[in-house]
Amino acid sequence: MDAEDKPVENPLIVFVSSVIAGLEAERRAVQAAIQAIPLARSWLFETSPASSQPLDESYLSKVKSCDIFLLLLGDRISDLVRAEVEAAQAA
């Protein structure tokens, strides 16, 4: 196995933030683009496993610990996305 074929031990985590409804295709495209980068791994709400934490705590903790926060903007923004942006700015 070449060095290029080895998995990255600690990939950069890219948190993808946006409303889901209406931006499904864009979110899938962004996820695919991130997954094509060997040094990165995407985190999207709809693909994450269930958590025992309260809902807002579970994904906001991911915002606070991500390496890159990616905000996709459409024609509207939800209160949950606003909370993600605020958490990212505070972190």
Protein backbone atom coordinates (compact mmCIF):
# COMPACT_ATOMS: atom_id res chain seq x y z
CA MET A 1 0.00 0.00 0.00
CA ASP A 2 1.40 3.37 -1.02
CA ALA A 3 1.37 6.33 1.35
CA GLU A 4 -1.31 7.87 -0.89
CA ASP A 5 -3.59 4.87 -0.33
CA LYS A 6 -3.47 4.98 3.46
CA PRO A 7 -6.49 6.50 5.21
CA VAL A 8 -5.95 9.79 6.99
CA GLU A 9 -5.92 9.25 10.75
CA ASN A 10 -7.50 12.57 11.67
CA PRO A 11 -9.33 13.99 8.69
CA LEU A 12 -10.61 17.55 8.72
CA ILE A 13 -14.27 17.57 9.72
CA VAL A 14 -16.42 19.82 7.53
CA PHE A 15 -19.79 20.68 9.10
CA VAL A 16 -22.34 21.43 6.38
CA SER A 17 -25.00 23.89 7.54
CA SER A 18 -28.17 24.90 5.69
CA VAL A 19 -31.87 24.31 5.71
CA ILE A 20 -32.38 20.81 4.36
CA ALA A 21 -35.70 21.26 2.55
CA GLY A 22 -35.08 22.70 -0.88
CA LEU A 23 -31.30 22.22 -0.76
CA GLU A 24 -31.14 18.42 -0.73
CA ALA A 25 -29.33 18.17 -4.07
CA GLU A 26 -26.84 20.86 -3.13
CA ARG A 27 -26.14 19.15 0.21
CA ARG A 28 -25.52 15.81 -1.54
CA ALA A 29 -23.20 17.52 -4.05
CA VAL A 30 -21.24 19.23 -1.30
CA GLN A 31 -21.00 15.97 0.63
CA ALA A 32 -19.68 14.14 -2.46
CA ALA A 33 -17.14 16.90 -3.12
CA ILE A 34 -15.88 16.81 0.46
CA GLN A 35 -15.69 13.01 0.47
CA ALA A 36 -13.51 13.21 -2.66
CA ILE A 37 -10.88 15.11 -0.65
CA PRO A 38 -8.74 12.50 1.14
CA LEU A 39 -7.98 14.87 4.02
CA ALA A 40 -11.61 15.71 4.82
CA ARG A 41 -14.81 14.12 6.06
CA SER A 42 -18.23 15.79 5.92
CA TRP A 43 -20.77 16.00 8.73
CA LEU A 44 -24.40 16.48 7.74
CA PHE A 45 -27.34 16.25 10.12
CA GLU A 46 -29.32 13.90 7.89
CA THR A 47 -26.50 11.37 7.64
CA SER A 48 -25.44 11.35 11.29
CA PRO A 49 -26.39 8.56 13.68
CA ALA A 50 -28.89 9.14 16.46
CA SER A 51 -27.50 10.56 19.68
CA SER A 52 -28.49 10.21 23.31
CA GLN A 53 -27.86 13.95 23.75
CA PRO A 54 -30.70 16.45 23.33
CA LEU A 55 -31.03 17.25 19.63
CA ASP A 56 -29.68 20.80 19.69
CA GLU A 57 -26.74 19.81 21.91
CA SER A 58 -25.77 16.90 19.68
CA TYR A 59 -25.36 18.86 16.46
CA LEU A 60 -24.16 22.11 18.05
CA SER A 61 -21.35 20.15 19.70
CA LYS A 62 -20.34 19.07 16.17
CA VAL A 63 -20.35 22.72 15.07
CA LYS A 64 -18.06 23.63 17.96
CA SER A 65 -15.62 20.80 17.26
CA CYS A 66 -15.51 20.91 13.44
CA ASP A 67 -12.46 22.10 11.55
CA ILE A 68 -14.40 23.83 8.77
CA PHE A 69 -17.92 25.25 8.94
CA LEU A 70 -19.59 25.41 5.54
CA LEU A 71 -22.79 27.43 5.21
CA LEU A 72 -25.00 26.88 2.17
CA LEU A 73 -27.43 29.73 1.65
CA GLY A 74 -30.70 29.54 -0.22
CA ASP A 75 -33.72 31.79 -0.17
CA ARG A 76 -34.35 31.31 3.55
CA ILE A 77 -32.58 30.50 6.80
CA SER A 78 -34.05 28.74 9.84
CA ASP A 79 -33.59 29.46 13.52
CA LEU A 80 -31.61 26.21 13.78
CA VAL A 81 -29.20 27.33 11.07
CA ARG A 82 -28.86 30.71 12.81
CA ALA A 83 -27.93 28.83 16.01
CA GLU A 84 -25.32 26.84 14.08
CA VAL A 85 -23.80 30.01 12.63
CA GLU A 86 -23.69 31.64 16.08
CA ALA A 87 -22.07 28.55 17.60
CA ALA A 88 -19.48 28.48 14.81
CA GLN A 89 -18.69 32.17 15.27
CA ALA A 90 -18.36 31.72 19.03
CA ALA A 91 -16.07 28.72 18.60
